[in-house]
Amino acid sequence: MSPGGVKQDPAFSEIKRLCHSGRGGPELLHAVAERLRQRLSSEAYCASTVDPGSALITHALTGEMGGEREAAVFLDHLYFEHDLDQIRRMTRERRPVALLSELSGGDITRSPRYREMLRPLGLAHEMRAVFTAGGHVWGTLDLSREAGRPDFEPREVAFVRRLAPHLGAGLKAAALRSQALAEGRTGTGAPGVLVLDHRGRVTHYTAAAERWLEEIEDLKPGWSESQDLPPAVRMVAGALKRALRPENSGDLDLLPRLNVRARSGRWLSLYGSLSEGLPAEAVIVIGPAGPGEVVRFNMAAYGLTPREAEVATLAAQGASTSEISASLYISGYTVQNHLRNAFEKVGVKSRRELTRRLFLDGL
């Protein structure tokens, strides 16, 4: 048994290693989708990398999902009329995996996706996975089975649910790495990249990486030629090495990512992955934390409950008490009670102060 009480699964270990293999986003998603298709015995799939700000597709990948007609139905119609809202809802509810049978209330014929896309292809059952990191979506995957076959089992759903945070972290790391290595990216907000060998020594680094490390702590002369790195970097490198060990497959919380407060007061994010070369080296991407990550940390630091956090988020978006009440299906009195609790915990007296403290502090 692994540390998390889950029996070691070679397939899970292999796919988890892929998630942190240093591949580009589309390449990583394709490799994982093909292995999941084999592991879960599905006839078809469609996968996509998405823009984390809008959840709109940036790259689409398919396997046995038809041709131009199906692509047009999906991209021009279904995604905007059906899938996008579903993906956003799953993200908001922190529900990384769901079956079409569940999302359609037990009757898949109610689903536009089934009627307009799956049924014409002879498909019926589908599992949807949404891959997030830092509160934002970085990719999605739909695995489909032929009509007449049984639906996906709970153990298969649990398998993908265990993988979801690793793939979310891998897709975000790929995006940050691509941005950091883009030619000419020297702006103050550009992420930086460190490459460490198997001994933990720096073999390559960008100017942006050195600048971000200086925000964490003073670097000693010759820092790049020694193992004297900030603890945050060594933590991510160590977590990457440990997360990829087969015996740690059951440790669901062990991800090679970390958020650290810089001396300037802003939050920085560090993500780890492997290089594509042999022997593999650890690649650490470091840059400013996104708003979603900052907000999550601020809310946790002030001890807000999940419901208080939901109310505070809607209030920050300008929603009135009645609008929050309707959105969360709670009374206006309950909304006000949650806001009072949030005010007290954060130490503010108004919605404007609450928004500033939770959503702007640390950016």
Protein backbone atom coordinates (compact mmCIF):
# COMPACT_ATOMS: atom_id res chain seq x y z
CA MET A 1 0.00 0.00 0.00
CA SER A 2 1.17 3.51 -0.73
CA PRO A 3 1.32 6.29 1.91
CA GLY A 4 -2.16 7.50 1.02
CA GLY A 5 -3.68 4.04 1.50
CA VAL A 6 -4.20 3.47 -2.26
CA LYS A 7 -2.72 0.37 -3.86
CA GLN A 8 0.12 1.17 -6.23
CA ASP A 9 -1.04 1.35 -9.85
CA PRO A 10 1.66 1.26 -12.55
CA ALA A 11 -0.67 3.00 -15.02
CA PHE A 12 -1.34 5.83 -12.57
CA SER A 13 2.40 6.24 -11.89
CA GLU A 14 3.16 6.33 -15.62
CA ILE A 15 0.52 8.94 -16.39
CA LYS A 16 1.49 11.04 -13.36
CA ARG A 17 5.08 11.05 -14.61
CA LEU A 18 3.81 12.28 -17.98
CA CYS A 19 2.02 15.16 -16.24
CA HIS A 20 5.36 16.46 -14.96
CA SER A 21 7.47 15.46 -17.95
CA GLY A 22 8.16 18.95 -19.28
CA ARG A 23 6.11 18.49 -22.47
CA GLY A 24 4.23 21.36 -24.08
CA GLY A 25 0.55 21.64 -23.22
CA PRO A 26 -1.01 20.06 -26.35
CA GLU A 27 1.65 17.33 -26.48
CA LEU A 28 1.14 16.52 -22.80
CA LEU A 29 -2.64 16.42 -23.12
CA HIS A 30 -2.45 14.16 -26.19
CA ALA A 31 -0.11 11.71 -24.44
CA VAL A 32 -2.31 11.56 -21.33
CA ALA A 33 -5.53 11.26 -23.34
CA GLU A 34 -4.21 8.31 -25.34
CA ARG A 35 -3.10 6.46 -22.23
CA LEU A 36 -6.37 7.14 -20.43
CA ARG A 37 -8.26 5.97 -23.50
CA GLN A 38 -6.44 2.64 -23.27
CA ARG A 39 -6.56 2.41 -19.48
CA LEU A 40 -10.31 3.10 -19.27
CA SER A 41 -11.27 1.35 -22.50
CA SER A 42 -12.98 4.26 -24.27
CA GLU A 43 -13.52 4.36 -28.01
CA ALA A 44 -13.10 8.11 -28.49
CA TYR A 45 -11.98 11.32 -26.83
CA CYS A 46 -11.73 15.04 -27.34
CA ALA A 47 -9.32 17.16 -25.33
CA SER A 48 -8.32 20.80 -25.28
CA THR A 49 -5.96 23.27 -23.70
CA VAL A 50 -7.77 26.45 -22.73
CA ASP A 51 -7.05 30.06 -21.92
CA PRO A 52 -7.26 30.26 -18.11
CA GLY A 53 -8.78 33.71 -18.18
CA SER A 54 -11.75 32.91 -20.42
CA ALA A 55 -11.86 29.08 -20.52
CA LEU A 56 -11.90 29.34 -24.33
CA ILE A 57 -10.11 26.62 -26.29
CA THR A 58 -6.58 27.31 -27.53
CA HIS A 59 -5.75 23.84 -28.95
CA ALA A 60 -8.16 20.98 -29.66
CA LEU A 61 -7.25 17.29 -29.94
CA THR A 62 -9.52 14.40 -30.90
CA GLY A 63 -9.45 10.65 -31.30
CA GLU A 64 -12.23 8.94 -33.28
CA MET A 65 -14.60 11.89 -32.78
CA GLY A 66 -15.64 12.33 -36.39
CA GLY A 67 -14.45 14.94 -38.84
CA GLU A 68 -15.21 18.45 -39.99
CA ARG A 69 -18.96 18.26 -39.34
CA GLU A 70 -18.49 17.23 -35.72
CA ALA A 71 -15.75 19.81 -35.22
CA ALA A 72 -18.04 22.54 -36.54
CA VAL A 73 -20.94 21.41 -34.32
CA PHE A 74 -18.70 21.42 -31.28
CA LEU A 75 -16.61 24.56 -31.81
CA ASP A 76 -19.27 26.78 -33.35
CA HIS A 77 -22.28 25.71 -31.33
CA LEU A 78 -22.06 23.20 -28.50
CA TYR A 79 -19.07 24.69 -26.72
CA PHE A 80 -20.66 28.11 -26.34
CA GLU A 81 -24.24 26.97 -25.81
CA HIS A 82 -23.57 24.05 -23.47
CA ASP A 83 -20.01 22.99 -22.62
CA LEU A 84 -18.58 26.33 -21.52
CA ASP A 85 -21.17 26.85 -18.78
CA GLN A 86 -20.73 23.25 -17.65
CA ILE A 87 -16.95 23.60 -17.43
CA ARG A 88 -17.25 26.84 -15.46
CA ARG A 89 -19.75 25.24 -13.08
CA MET A 90 -17.51 22.22 -12.47
CA THR A 91 -14.61 24.58 -11.79
CA ARG A 92 -16.65 26.71 -9.40
CA GLU A 93 -17.87 23.61 -7.55
CA ARG A 94 -14.33 22.14 -7.48
CA ARG A 95 -15.65 19.05 -9.21
CA PRO A 96 -12.87 17.89 -11.54
CA VAL A 97 -14.66 14.84 -12.98
CA ALA A 98 -18.31 14.19 -13.86
CA LEU A 99 -20.25 11.71 -15.99
CA LEU A 100 -22.64 12.82 -18.71
CA SER A 101 -25.28 10.64 -17.06
CA GLU A 102 -24.91 12.68 -13.86
CA LEU A 103 -24.77 16.07 -15.55
CA SER A 104 -27.95 15.29 -17.49
CA GLY A 105 -29.90 14.19 -14.41
CA GLY A 106 -29.79 10.49 -15.29
CA ASP A 107 -31.23 10.94 -18.80
CA ILE A 108 -28.54 11.50 -21.43
CA THR A 109 -31.16 12.22 -24.10
CA ARG A 110 -31.65 15.58 -22.37
CA SER A 111 -28.07 16.52 -23.20
CA PRO A 112 -27.51 18.56 -26.40
CA ARG A 113 -24.01 17.11 -26.51
CA TYR A 114 -25.42 13.58 -26.70
CA ARG A 115 -28.15 14.37 -29.22
CA GLU A 116 -26.07 16.48 -31.59
CA MET A 117 -22.61 14.94 -31.36
CA LEU A 118 -22.33 11.63 -29.55
CA ARG A 119 -25.41 9.76 -30.81
CA PRO A 120 -24.68 10.36 -34.53
CA LEU A 121 -21.24 8.81 -33.92
CA GLY A 122 -22.68 5.77 -32.16
CA LEU A 123 -21.39 6.96 -28.78
CA ALA A 124 -23.35 7.26 -25.54
CA HIS A 125 -21.46 7.31 -22.25
CA GLU A 126 -18.97 10.06 -21.49
CA MET A 127 -16.68 11.16 -18.70
CA ARG A 128 -15.69 14.83 -18.54
CA ALA A 129 -12.57 16.01 -16.69
CA VAL A 130 -11.60 19.62 -16.03
CA PHE A 131 -7.96 20.30 -15.13
CA THR A 132 -7.38 23.32 -12.92
CA ALA A 133 -4.49 24.98 -11.10
CA GLY A 134 -4.60 28.18 -9.11
CA GLY A 135 -8.37 28.35 -9.42
CA HIS A 136 -8.30 28.48 -13.24
CA VAL A 137 -8.95 25.91 -15.97
CA TRP A 138 -5.95 24.90 -18.09
CA GLY A 139 -7.41 21.96 -19.99
CA THR A 140 -10.34 19.58 -20.42
CA LEU A 141 -10.84 15.99 -21.54
CA ASP A 142 -13.94 14.02 -22.59
CA LEU A 143 -13.68 10.21 -22.82
CA SER A 144 -16.54 8.51 -24.70
CA ARG A 145 -17.84 4.94 -25.00
CA GLU A 146 -20.00 3.28 -27.64
CA ALA A 147 -23.72 2.84 -27.17
CA GLY A 148 -24.52 -0.56 -25.69
CA ARG A 149 -21.48 -0.58 -23.42
CA PRO A 150 -21.75 0.11 -19.67
CA ASP A 151 -21.15 3.58 -18.27
CA PHE A 152 -17.85 4.44 -16.57
CA GLU A 153 -17.59 2.89 -13.11
CA PRO A 154 -16.95 4.83 -9.86
CA ARG A 155 -13.43 3.39 -9.61
CA GLU A 156 -12.66 4.74 -13.10
CA VAL A 157 -13.99 8.16 -12.16
CA ALA A 158 -11.83 8.05 -9.01
CA PHE A 159 -8.77 7.18 -11.12
CA VAL A 160 -9.17 10.30 -13.28
CA ARG A 161 -10.03 12.43 -10.24
CA ARG A 162 -6.71 11.45 -8.66
CA LEU A 163 -4.86 12.45 -11.82
CA ALA A 164 -6.66 15.75 -12.36
CA PRO A 165 -4.55 17.96 -10.04
CA HIS A 166 -1.33 16.58 -11.55
CA LEU A 167 -2.46 17.32 -15.09
CA GLY A 168 -3.70 20.77 -14.07
CA ALA A 169 -0.29 21.55 -12.57
CA GLY A 170 1.48 20.12 -15.61
CA LEU A 171 -0.54 22.16 -18.08
CA LYS A 172 0.00 25.36 -16.14
CA ALA A 173 3.73 24.67 -15.82
CA ALA A 174 3.88 24.09 -19.58
CA ALA A 175 2.17 27.42 -20.26
CA LEU A 176 4.44 29.31 -17.86
CA ARG A 177 7.52 27.62 -19.23
CA SER A 178 6.57 28.52 -22.79
CA GLN A 179 5.99 32.13 -21.78
CA ALA A 180 9.27 32.31 -19.87
CA LEU A 181 11.35 30.90 -22.72
CA ALA A 182 9.69 32.96 -25.46
CA GLU A 183 12.30 34.99 -27.26
CA GLY A 184 12.48 38.57 -26.12
CA ARG A 185 10.39 38.14 -22.95
CA THR A 186 12.35 40.37 -20.58
CA GLY A 187 9.54 42.33 -18.99
CA THR A 188 9.31 42.59 -15.21
CA GLY A 189 6.29 40.28 -15.13
CA ALA A 190 7.76 37.47 -17.24
CA PRO A 191 8.27 34.12 -15.48
CA GLY A 192 11.79 32.78 -15.07
CA VAL A 193 13.24 29.29 -15.55
CA LEU A 194 15.81 27.34 -13.52
CA VAL A 195 17.21 23.98 -14.63
CA LEU A 196 18.71 21.73 -11.92
CA ASP A 197 20.74 18.56 -12.44
CA HIS A 198 20.28 15.38 -10.42
CA ARG A 199 22.47 16.81 -7.63
CA GLY A 200 20.34 19.93 -7.31
CA ARG A 201 22.89 22.23 -8.95
CA VAL A 202 21.83 24.93 -11.41
CA THR A 203 22.81 24.17 -15.01
CA HIS A 204 20.83 26.94 -16.73
CA TYR A 205 18.77 29.92 -15.63
CA THR A 206 17.19 33.00 -17.14
CA ALA A 207 17.67 36.59 -15.99
CA ALA A 208 14.02 36.69 -14.92
CA ALA A 209 14.55 33.66 -12.67
CA GLU A 210 17.43 35.39 -10.89
CA ARG A 211 15.30 38.50 -10.42
CA TRP A 212 12.43 36.53 -8.87
CA LEU A 213 14.79 34.61 -6.59
CA GLU A 214 16.17 37.92 -5.33
CA GLU A 215 12.62 38.81 -4.34
CA ILE A 216 12.55 35.75 -2.09
CA GLU A 217 15.92 36.23 -0.42
CA ASP A 218 19.42 37.58 -1.06
CA LEU A 219 21.46 35.33 -3.34
CA LYS A 220 25.05 34.66 -2.32
CA PRO A 221 27.91 35.18 -4.78
CA GLY A 222 28.27 32.13 -7.00
CA TRP A 223 24.77 30.91 -6.08
CA SER A 224 24.22 29.33 -9.50
CA GLU A 225 27.30 27.14 -9.10
CA SER A 226 26.31 25.72 -5.73
CA GLN A 227 23.35 24.05 -4.06
CA ASP A 228 22.75 27.11 -1.89
CA LEU A 229 19.31 27.88 -3.29
CA PRO A 230 16.26 29.37 -1.54
CA PRO A 231 14.35 26.66 0.34
CA ALA A 232 11.29 27.21 -1.87
CA VAL A 233 13.23 26.08 -4.95
CA ARG A 234 14.61 23.02 -3.20
CA MET A 235 11.14 22.18 -1.91
CA VAL A 236 9.67 22.16 -5.42
CA ALA A 237 12.57 20.10 -6.79
CA GLY A 238 12.24 17.64 -3.91
CA ALA A 239 8.46 17.42 -4.30
CA LEU A 240 8.87 16.73 -8.02
CA LYS A 241 11.29 13.89 -7.34
CA ARG A 242 9.09 12.42 -4.63
CA ALA A 243 5.81 12.83 -6.54
CA LEU A 244 7.15 10.77 -9.43
CA ARG A 245 8.09 7.77 -7.32
CA PRO A 246 5.66 4.89 -7.95
CA GLU A 247 5.33 4.16 -4.24
CA ASN A 248 3.87 7.65 -3.69
CA SER A 249 0.93 7.22 -6.08
CA GLY A 250 -1.52 7.44 -3.19
CA ASP A 251 -0.27 10.81 -1.94
CA LEU A 252 -2.87 12.97 -3.65
CA ASP A 253 -1.66 16.24 -2.14
CA LEU A 254 1.97 15.94 -3.19
CA LEU A 255 2.29 18.24 -6.21
CA PRO A 256 5.49 19.98 -7.38
CA ARG A 257 4.12 23.49 -6.98
CA LEU A 258 4.41 26.09 -4.27
CA ASN A 259 3.35 29.68 -3.55
CA VAL A 260 5.69 31.89 -1.54
CA ARG A 261 5.38 35.47 -0.32
CA ALA A 262 8.14 37.68 -1.69
CA ARG A 263 9.80 40.42 0.33
CA SER A 264 7.87 42.97 -1.73
CA GLY A 265 4.63 41.51 -0.35
CA ARG A 266 3.48 39.93 -3.61
CA TRP A 267 2.95 36.20 -4.03
CA LEU A 268 5.16 34.15 -6.34
CA SER A 269 4.37 30.72 -7.79
CA LEU A 270 6.91 27.95 -8.43
CA TYR A 271 6.12 24.93 -10.62
CA GLY A 272 8.35 21.93 -11.23
CA SER A 273 8.58 19.57 -14.22
CA LEU A 274 11.16 17.36 -15.92
CA SER A 275 13.24 18.33 -18.93
CA GLU A 276 12.85 16.33 -22.11
CA GLY A 277 16.51 15.37 -22.28
CA LEU A 278 18.32 12.34 -20.87
CA PRO A 279 19.17 12.26 -18.10
CA ALA A 280 16.10 14.24 -17.12
CA GLU A 281 16.70 17.47 -15.22
CA ALA A 282 14.33 19.40 -12.97
CA VAL A 283 12.89 22.54 -14.56
CA ILE A 284 11.54 25.12 -12.09
CA VAL A 285 9.34 27.92 -13.44
CA ILE A 286 8.95 30.93 -11.12
CA GLY A 287 6.82 34.01 -11.60
CA PRO A 288 4.00 36.12 -10.13
CA ALA A 289 1.08 34.18 -8.71
CA GLY A 290 -2.20 34.61 -10.51
CA PRO A 291 -5.19 36.33 -8.89
CA GLY A 292 -6.91 33.02 -8.23
CA GLU A 293 -3.96 31.69 -6.25
CA VAL A 294 -3.59 34.91 -4.26
CA VAL A 295 -7.28 35.01 -3.39
CA ARG A 296 -7.26 31.36 -2.33
CA PHE A 297 -4.36 31.98 0.03
CA ASN A 298 -5.85 35.15 1.44
CA MET A 299 -9.18 33.48 2.15
CA ALA A 300 -7.48 30.53 3.78
CA ALA A 301 -5.28 32.82 5.86
CA TYR A 302 -8.31 34.67 7.24
CA GLY A 303 -10.15 31.43 7.93
CA LEU A 304 -13.17 32.02 5.69
CA THR A 305 -15.47 29.05 5.27
CA PRO A 306 -16.24 27.87 1.70
CA ARG A 307 -19.66 29.57 1.82
CA GLU A 308 -18.22 32.81 3.21
CA ALA A 309 -15.65 32.73 0.41
CA GLU A 310 -18.41 32.29 -2.19
CA VAL A 311 -20.39 35.21 -0.80
CA ALA A 312 -17.27 37.40 -0.61
CA THR A 313 -16.36 36.56 -4.21
CA LEU A 314 -19.79 37.48 -5.52
CA ALA A 315 -19.81 40.67 -3.44
CA ALA A 316 -16.43 41.62 -4.92
CA GLN A 317 -17.92 41.16 -8.39
CA GLY A 318 -20.53 43.78 -7.54
CA ALA A 319 -23.47 41.46 -6.92
CA SER A 320 -26.19 42.78 -4.63
CA THR A 321 -27.54 40.88 -1.64
CA SER A 322 -30.56 39.74 -3.63
CA GLU A 323 -28.38 38.64 -6.55
CA ILE A 324 -26.10 36.66 -4.23
CA SER A 325 -29.16 35.14 -2.57
CA ALA A 326 -30.55 33.99 -5.93
CA SER A 327 -27.20 32.70 -7.16
CA LEU A 328 -26.46 30.60 -4.06
CA TYR A 329 -30.06 29.66 -3.23
CA ILE A 330 -29.88 31.11 0.27
CA SER A 331 -31.87 33.84 1.98
CA GLY A 332 -30.83 37.49 2.05
CA TYR A 333 -30.48 37.24 5.81
CA THR A 334 -28.02 34.36 5.41
CA VAL A 335 -26.04 36.37 2.85
CA GLN A 336 -25.73 39.26 5.29
CA ASN A 337 -24.73 36.89 8.08
CA HIS A 338 -21.95 35.41 5.94
CA LEU A 339 -20.75 38.92 5.04
CA ARG A 340 -20.68 39.99 8.69
CA ASN A 341 -18.62 36.92 9.55
CA ALA A 342 -16.22 37.69 6.70
CA PHE A 343 -15.91 41.33 7.79
CA GLU A 344 -15.08 40.25 11.33
CA LYS A 345 -12.49 37.66 10.30
CA VAL A 346 -10.75 39.97 7.84
CA GLY A 347 -11.01 43.01 10.09
CA VAL A 348 -12.92 45.35 7.75
CA LYS A 349 -16.26 47.15 7.83
CA SER A 350 -17.35 47.39 4.21
CA ARG A 351 -17.53 45.41 1.00
CA ARG A 352 -15.00 47.70 -0.63
CA GLU A 353 -12.46 47.08 2.15
CA LEU A 354 -13.17 43.35 2.01
CA THR A 355 -12.54 43.28 -1.73
CA ARG A 356 -9.31 45.21 -1.39
CA ARG A 357 -8.00 42.97 1.42
CA LEU A 358 -8.92 39.64 -0.14
CA PHE A 359 -8.53 40.25 -3.86
CA LEU A 360 -5.81 42.87 -4.19
CA ASP A 361 -3.48 42.28 -1.25
CA GLY A 362 -0.44 40.38 -2.50
CA LEU A 363 -0.85 41.05 -6.22
